[in-house]
N, C-alpha and C. Protein backbone atom coordinates (compact mmCIF):
# COMPACT_ATOMS: atom_id res chain seq x y z
N MET A 1 -19.49 43.87 12.72
CA MET A 1 -18.28 44.23 13.44
C MET A 1 -18.12 43.28 14.62
N MET A 2 -16.90 42.89 14.89
CA MET A 2 -16.58 41.99 15.99
C MET A 2 -15.62 42.67 16.94
N ALA A 3 -15.62 42.22 18.20
CA ALA A 3 -14.70 42.77 19.19
C ALA A 3 -14.40 41.69 20.22
N VAL A 4 -13.29 41.85 20.91
CA VAL A 4 -12.92 40.96 22.01
C VAL A 4 -13.05 41.77 23.30
N ILE A 5 -13.86 41.27 24.24
CA ILE A 5 -14.04 41.93 25.53
C ILE A 5 -13.48 41.06 26.63
N VAL A 6 -13.22 41.68 27.78
CA VAL A 6 -12.71 40.96 28.95
C VAL A 6 -13.67 41.18 30.10
N THR A 7 -14.16 40.09 30.70
CA THR A 7 -14.98 40.16 31.90
C THR A 7 -14.83 38.85 32.66
N GLY A 8 -14.76 38.95 33.96
CA GLY A 8 -14.63 37.74 34.78
C GLY A 8 -13.34 36.99 34.57
N GLY A 9 -12.28 37.69 34.14
CA GLY A 9 -11.00 37.03 33.92
C GLY A 9 -10.94 36.23 32.63
N LYS A 10 -11.95 36.37 31.77
CA LYS A 10 -11.99 35.63 30.50
C LYS A 10 -12.17 36.61 29.35
N GLN A 11 -11.78 36.18 28.17
CA GLN A 11 -11.95 36.98 26.97
C GLN A 11 -13.01 36.34 26.09
N TYR A 12 -13.86 37.18 25.48
CA TYR A 12 -14.95 36.70 24.64
C TYR A 12 -14.92 37.45 23.31
N LEU A 13 -15.09 36.72 22.20
CA LEU A 13 -15.25 37.31 20.89
C LEU A 13 -16.75 37.52 20.68
N VAL A 14 -17.17 38.79 20.49
CA VAL A 14 -18.59 39.10 20.43
C VAL A 14 -18.94 39.84 19.15
N LYS A 15 -20.22 39.71 18.76
CA LYS A 15 -20.80 40.42 17.62
C LYS A 15 -22.06 41.12 18.11
N GLU A 16 -22.53 42.10 17.38
CA GLU A 16 -23.76 42.80 17.74
C GLU A 16 -24.94 41.84 17.65
N GLY A 17 -25.83 41.92 18.65
CA GLY A 17 -27.01 41.06 18.68
C GLY A 17 -26.77 39.70 19.32
N GLN A 18 -25.56 39.40 19.71
CA GLN A 18 -25.22 38.11 20.31
C GLN A 18 -25.55 38.10 21.80
N THR A 19 -26.02 36.95 22.32
CA THR A 19 -26.19 36.78 23.76
C THR A 19 -25.15 35.77 24.23
N LEU A 20 -24.60 35.99 25.42
CA LEU A 20 -23.64 35.05 25.96
C LEU A 20 -23.70 35.05 27.48
N ASN A 21 -23.27 33.93 28.05
CA ASN A 21 -23.22 33.78 29.50
C ASN A 21 -21.81 34.10 29.97
N VAL A 22 -21.72 35.03 30.94
CA VAL A 22 -20.44 35.42 31.52
C VAL A 22 -20.49 35.15 33.02
N GLU A 23 -19.35 35.28 33.68
CA GLU A 23 -19.32 35.13 35.14
C GLU A 23 -20.29 36.14 35.77
N LYS A 24 -20.84 35.79 36.91
CA LYS A 24 -21.89 36.61 37.53
C LYS A 24 -21.44 38.05 37.75
N LEU A 25 -22.30 38.98 37.31
CA LEU A 25 -22.09 40.41 37.52
C LEU A 25 -23.13 40.92 38.50
N GLU A 26 -22.73 41.76 39.43
CA GLU A 26 -23.64 42.29 40.44
C GLU A 26 -24.42 43.49 39.90
N LEU A 27 -25.27 43.25 38.92
CA LEU A 27 -26.08 44.29 38.30
C LEU A 27 -27.53 43.82 38.22
N GLU A 28 -28.45 44.78 38.15
CA GLU A 28 -29.87 44.46 38.02
C GLU A 28 -30.16 44.02 36.58
N VAL A 29 -31.24 43.24 36.42
CA VAL A 29 -31.68 42.84 35.08
C VAL A 29 -32.12 44.09 34.32
N GLY A 30 -31.66 44.24 33.10
CA GLY A 30 -31.96 45.40 32.28
C GLY A 30 -30.94 46.52 32.39
N ALA A 31 -29.98 46.39 33.29
CA ALA A 31 -28.96 47.44 33.48
C ALA A 31 -27.97 47.43 32.32
N PRO A 32 -27.54 48.62 31.86
CA PRO A 32 -26.55 48.68 30.78
C PRO A 32 -25.14 48.43 31.32
N ILE A 33 -24.27 47.87 30.46
CA ILE A 33 -22.87 47.61 30.80
C ILE A 33 -22.02 48.17 29.66
N GLU A 34 -20.87 48.69 30.01
CA GLU A 34 -19.93 49.16 28.98
C GLU A 34 -18.60 48.44 29.18
N PHE A 35 -18.12 47.79 28.12
CA PHE A 35 -16.85 47.07 28.16
C PHE A 35 -15.84 47.81 27.29
N GLY A 36 -14.60 47.88 27.77
CA GLY A 36 -13.51 48.33 26.92
C GLY A 36 -13.06 47.14 26.10
N THR A 37 -12.60 47.37 24.88
CA THR A 37 -12.25 46.25 24.02
C THR A 37 -10.74 46.09 23.93
N LEU A 38 -10.31 44.87 23.70
CA LEU A 38 -8.89 44.59 23.50
C LEU A 38 -8.52 44.65 22.04
N LEU A 39 -9.42 44.18 21.18
CA LEU A 39 -9.11 44.04 19.78
C LEU A 39 -10.38 44.27 19.00
N LEU A 40 -10.30 44.92 17.87
CA LEU A 40 -11.48 45.21 17.06
C LEU A 40 -11.24 44.75 15.64
N ALA A 41 -12.27 44.20 15.01
CA ALA A 41 -12.17 43.79 13.61
C ALA A 41 -13.33 44.38 12.84
N GLU A 42 -13.11 44.69 11.59
CA GLU A 42 -14.17 45.23 10.74
C GLU A 42 -15.16 44.13 10.40
N ALA A 43 -16.31 44.53 9.86
CA ALA A 43 -17.38 43.59 9.55
C ALA A 43 -16.93 42.51 8.57
N ASP A 44 -16.11 42.88 7.58
CA ASP A 44 -15.66 41.87 6.61
C ASP A 44 -14.44 41.10 7.10
N GLY A 45 -13.85 41.51 8.23
CA GLY A 45 -12.72 40.80 8.81
C GLY A 45 -11.39 41.13 8.15
N SER A 46 -11.34 42.17 7.31
CA SER A 46 -10.12 42.47 6.58
C SER A 46 -9.09 43.20 7.44
N THR A 47 -9.53 44.20 8.23
CA THR A 47 -8.58 44.94 9.05
C THR A 47 -8.83 44.68 10.52
N VAL A 48 -7.75 44.53 11.26
CA VAL A 48 -7.85 44.28 12.70
C VAL A 48 -7.05 45.37 13.41
N THR A 49 -7.66 46.00 14.41
CA THR A 49 -7.00 47.02 15.20
C THR A 49 -6.66 46.45 16.56
N MET A 50 -5.38 46.43 16.91
CA MET A 50 -4.95 45.89 18.19
C MET A 50 -4.85 47.02 19.21
N GLY A 51 -5.21 46.70 20.46
CA GLY A 51 -5.10 47.67 21.53
C GLY A 51 -3.91 47.39 22.41
N ASN A 52 -3.49 48.41 23.17
CA ASN A 52 -2.37 48.22 24.07
C ASN A 52 -2.66 48.91 25.40
N PRO A 53 -3.43 48.40 26.35
CA PRO A 53 -4.19 47.16 26.30
C PRO A 53 -5.56 47.30 25.67
N GLU A 54 -6.05 48.54 25.47
CA GLU A 54 -7.37 48.74 24.87
C GLU A 54 -7.26 49.61 23.63
N VAL A 55 -8.23 49.44 22.75
CA VAL A 55 -8.30 50.30 21.57
C VAL A 55 -8.89 51.64 22.01
N ALA A 56 -8.23 52.74 21.70
CA ALA A 56 -8.67 54.06 22.14
C ALA A 56 -10.01 54.42 21.50
N GLY A 57 -10.96 54.81 22.33
CA GLY A 57 -12.26 55.25 21.84
C GLY A 57 -13.22 54.13 21.49
N ALA A 58 -12.81 52.89 21.58
CA ALA A 58 -13.70 51.77 21.24
C ALA A 58 -14.40 51.28 22.49
N LYS A 59 -15.68 50.97 22.35
CA LYS A 59 -16.41 50.41 23.48
C LYS A 59 -17.52 49.50 23.00
N VAL A 60 -17.91 48.59 23.87
CA VAL A 60 -18.99 47.65 23.59
C VAL A 60 -20.08 47.90 24.61
N LEU A 61 -21.30 48.16 24.13
CA LEU A 61 -22.44 48.39 25.00
C LEU A 61 -23.28 47.12 25.05
N ALA A 62 -23.65 46.71 26.27
CA ALA A 62 -24.44 45.49 26.45
C ALA A 62 -25.52 45.74 27.50
N LYS A 63 -26.43 44.77 27.63
CA LYS A 63 -27.52 44.87 28.59
C LYS A 63 -27.67 43.52 29.29
N VAL A 64 -27.93 43.55 30.60
CA VAL A 64 -28.14 42.32 31.37
C VAL A 64 -29.53 41.77 31.04
N VAL A 65 -29.59 40.51 30.60
CA VAL A 65 -30.85 39.87 30.26
C VAL A 65 -31.40 39.09 31.44
N GLU A 66 -30.55 38.26 32.08
CA GLU A 66 -31.00 37.47 33.22
C GLU A 66 -29.80 36.95 34.01
N HIS A 67 -30.09 36.48 35.22
CA HIS A 67 -29.12 35.80 36.06
C HIS A 67 -29.59 34.36 36.22
N GLY A 68 -28.64 33.43 36.41
CA GLY A 68 -29.04 32.04 36.56
C GLY A 68 -27.91 31.20 37.12
N LEU A 69 -28.18 29.90 37.16
CA LEU A 69 -27.21 28.93 37.63
C LEU A 69 -26.93 27.94 36.50
N GLY A 70 -25.68 27.56 36.35
CA GLY A 70 -25.28 26.63 35.30
C GLY A 70 -25.66 25.20 35.62
N LYS A 71 -25.24 24.31 34.76
CA LYS A 71 -25.49 22.88 34.92
C LYS A 71 -24.77 22.37 36.17
N LYS A 72 -25.38 21.42 36.86
CA LYS A 72 -24.80 20.90 38.09
C LYS A 72 -23.59 20.02 37.80
N ILE A 73 -22.54 20.27 38.56
CA ILE A 73 -21.32 19.46 38.48
C ILE A 73 -21.25 18.65 39.77
N GLU A 74 -21.08 17.35 39.65
CA GLU A 74 -21.01 16.49 40.83
C GLU A 74 -19.56 16.19 41.17
N ILE A 75 -19.26 16.31 42.47
CA ILE A 75 -17.92 16.02 42.98
C ILE A 75 -18.04 14.79 43.86
N ILE A 76 -17.33 13.72 43.51
CA ILE A 76 -17.40 12.48 44.28
C ILE A 76 -15.98 12.09 44.69
N LYS A 77 -15.80 11.85 46.00
CA LYS A 77 -14.52 11.38 46.53
C LYS A 77 -14.75 10.00 47.12
N PHE A 78 -13.86 9.08 46.85
CA PHE A 78 -14.02 7.71 47.32
C PHE A 78 -12.65 7.09 47.57
N LYS A 79 -12.50 6.45 48.72
CA LYS A 79 -11.28 5.69 49.01
C LYS A 79 -11.72 4.29 49.39
N SER A 80 -11.15 3.34 48.68
CA SER A 80 -11.56 1.96 48.90
C SER A 80 -11.04 1.43 50.24
N LYS A 81 -11.79 0.51 50.82
CA LYS A 81 -11.42 -0.25 52.02
C LYS A 81 -11.39 0.57 53.31
N VAL A 82 -11.76 1.86 53.28
CA VAL A 82 -11.74 2.64 54.51
C VAL A 82 -13.09 3.31 54.79
N ARG A 83 -14.12 2.96 54.03
CA ARG A 83 -15.47 3.50 54.18
C ARG A 83 -15.52 5.03 54.09
N TYR A 84 -14.71 5.58 53.20
CA TYR A 84 -14.68 7.04 53.01
C TYR A 84 -15.38 7.38 51.70
N ARG A 85 -16.49 8.08 51.79
CA ARG A 85 -17.23 8.52 50.61
C ARG A 85 -17.72 9.93 50.85
N ARG A 86 -17.56 10.80 49.86
CA ARG A 86 -18.09 12.16 49.92
C ARG A 86 -18.76 12.46 48.59
N HIS A 87 -19.93 13.04 48.65
CA HIS A 87 -20.67 13.41 47.44
C HIS A 87 -21.11 14.86 47.59
N ASN A 88 -20.76 15.69 46.62
CA ASN A 88 -21.06 17.12 46.69
C ASN A 88 -21.42 17.59 45.29
N GLY A 89 -22.09 18.73 45.20
CA GLY A 89 -22.44 19.29 43.90
C GLY A 89 -22.22 20.79 43.89
N HIS A 90 -22.16 21.35 42.67
CA HIS A 90 -21.93 22.79 42.53
C HIS A 90 -22.61 23.27 41.26
N ARG A 91 -23.28 24.43 41.35
CA ARG A 91 -23.86 25.09 40.18
C ARG A 91 -23.29 26.50 40.11
N GLN A 92 -22.53 26.78 39.05
CA GLN A 92 -21.85 28.06 38.90
C GLN A 92 -22.86 29.14 38.50
N PRO A 93 -22.90 30.26 39.23
CA PRO A 93 -23.81 31.36 38.83
C PRO A 93 -23.28 32.07 37.59
N PHE A 94 -24.21 32.54 36.74
CA PHE A 94 -23.83 33.27 35.53
C PHE A 94 -24.78 34.43 35.30
N THR A 95 -24.37 35.32 34.41
CA THR A 95 -25.20 36.43 33.96
C THR A 95 -25.27 36.36 32.44
N LYS A 96 -26.47 36.37 31.90
CA LYS A 96 -26.65 36.37 30.45
C LYS A 96 -26.75 37.82 29.99
N ILE A 97 -25.90 38.18 29.02
CA ILE A 97 -25.90 39.55 28.52
C ILE A 97 -26.19 39.56 27.01
N LEU A 98 -26.72 40.67 26.54
CA LEU A 98 -27.01 40.88 25.12
C LEU A 98 -26.13 42.02 24.63
N ILE A 99 -25.33 41.75 23.60
CA ILE A 99 -24.45 42.77 23.02
C ILE A 99 -25.30 43.65 22.11
N GLU A 100 -25.43 44.94 22.47
CA GLU A 100 -26.28 45.85 21.72
C GLU A 100 -25.53 46.61 20.64
N LYS A 101 -24.37 47.17 20.98
CA LYS A 101 -23.66 48.01 20.01
C LYS A 101 -22.16 47.93 20.22
N ILE A 102 -21.43 47.87 19.12
CA ILE A 102 -19.97 47.93 19.14
C ILE A 102 -19.57 49.18 18.38
N SER A 103 -18.88 50.08 19.05
CA SER A 103 -18.44 51.32 18.39
C SER A 103 -16.94 51.45 18.49
N GLY A 104 -16.34 52.04 17.51
CA GLY A 104 -14.92 52.26 17.55
C GLY A 104 -14.35 52.03 16.24
């Protein structure tokens, strides 16, 4: 069974047993999460149930696996002939979750 969930302003297509990185959630490692679903599909993909905005009675249960930082992105600003140089970096925080059960 597949479902589409919304977290962190993004939508994700998920299956049971899948792990994925989402925007950082303020939860402890091992804490359960419940997502409302937007769209649900059967295991064989034949029937799709659309929600408005959510499918009634459908939910996705997940568990927080770990928190971390993504790959470093370097920001470089340079203007020629004026000795202007700026170098900065950023690592986006994320939360890795494990999809345990999709019901609905």
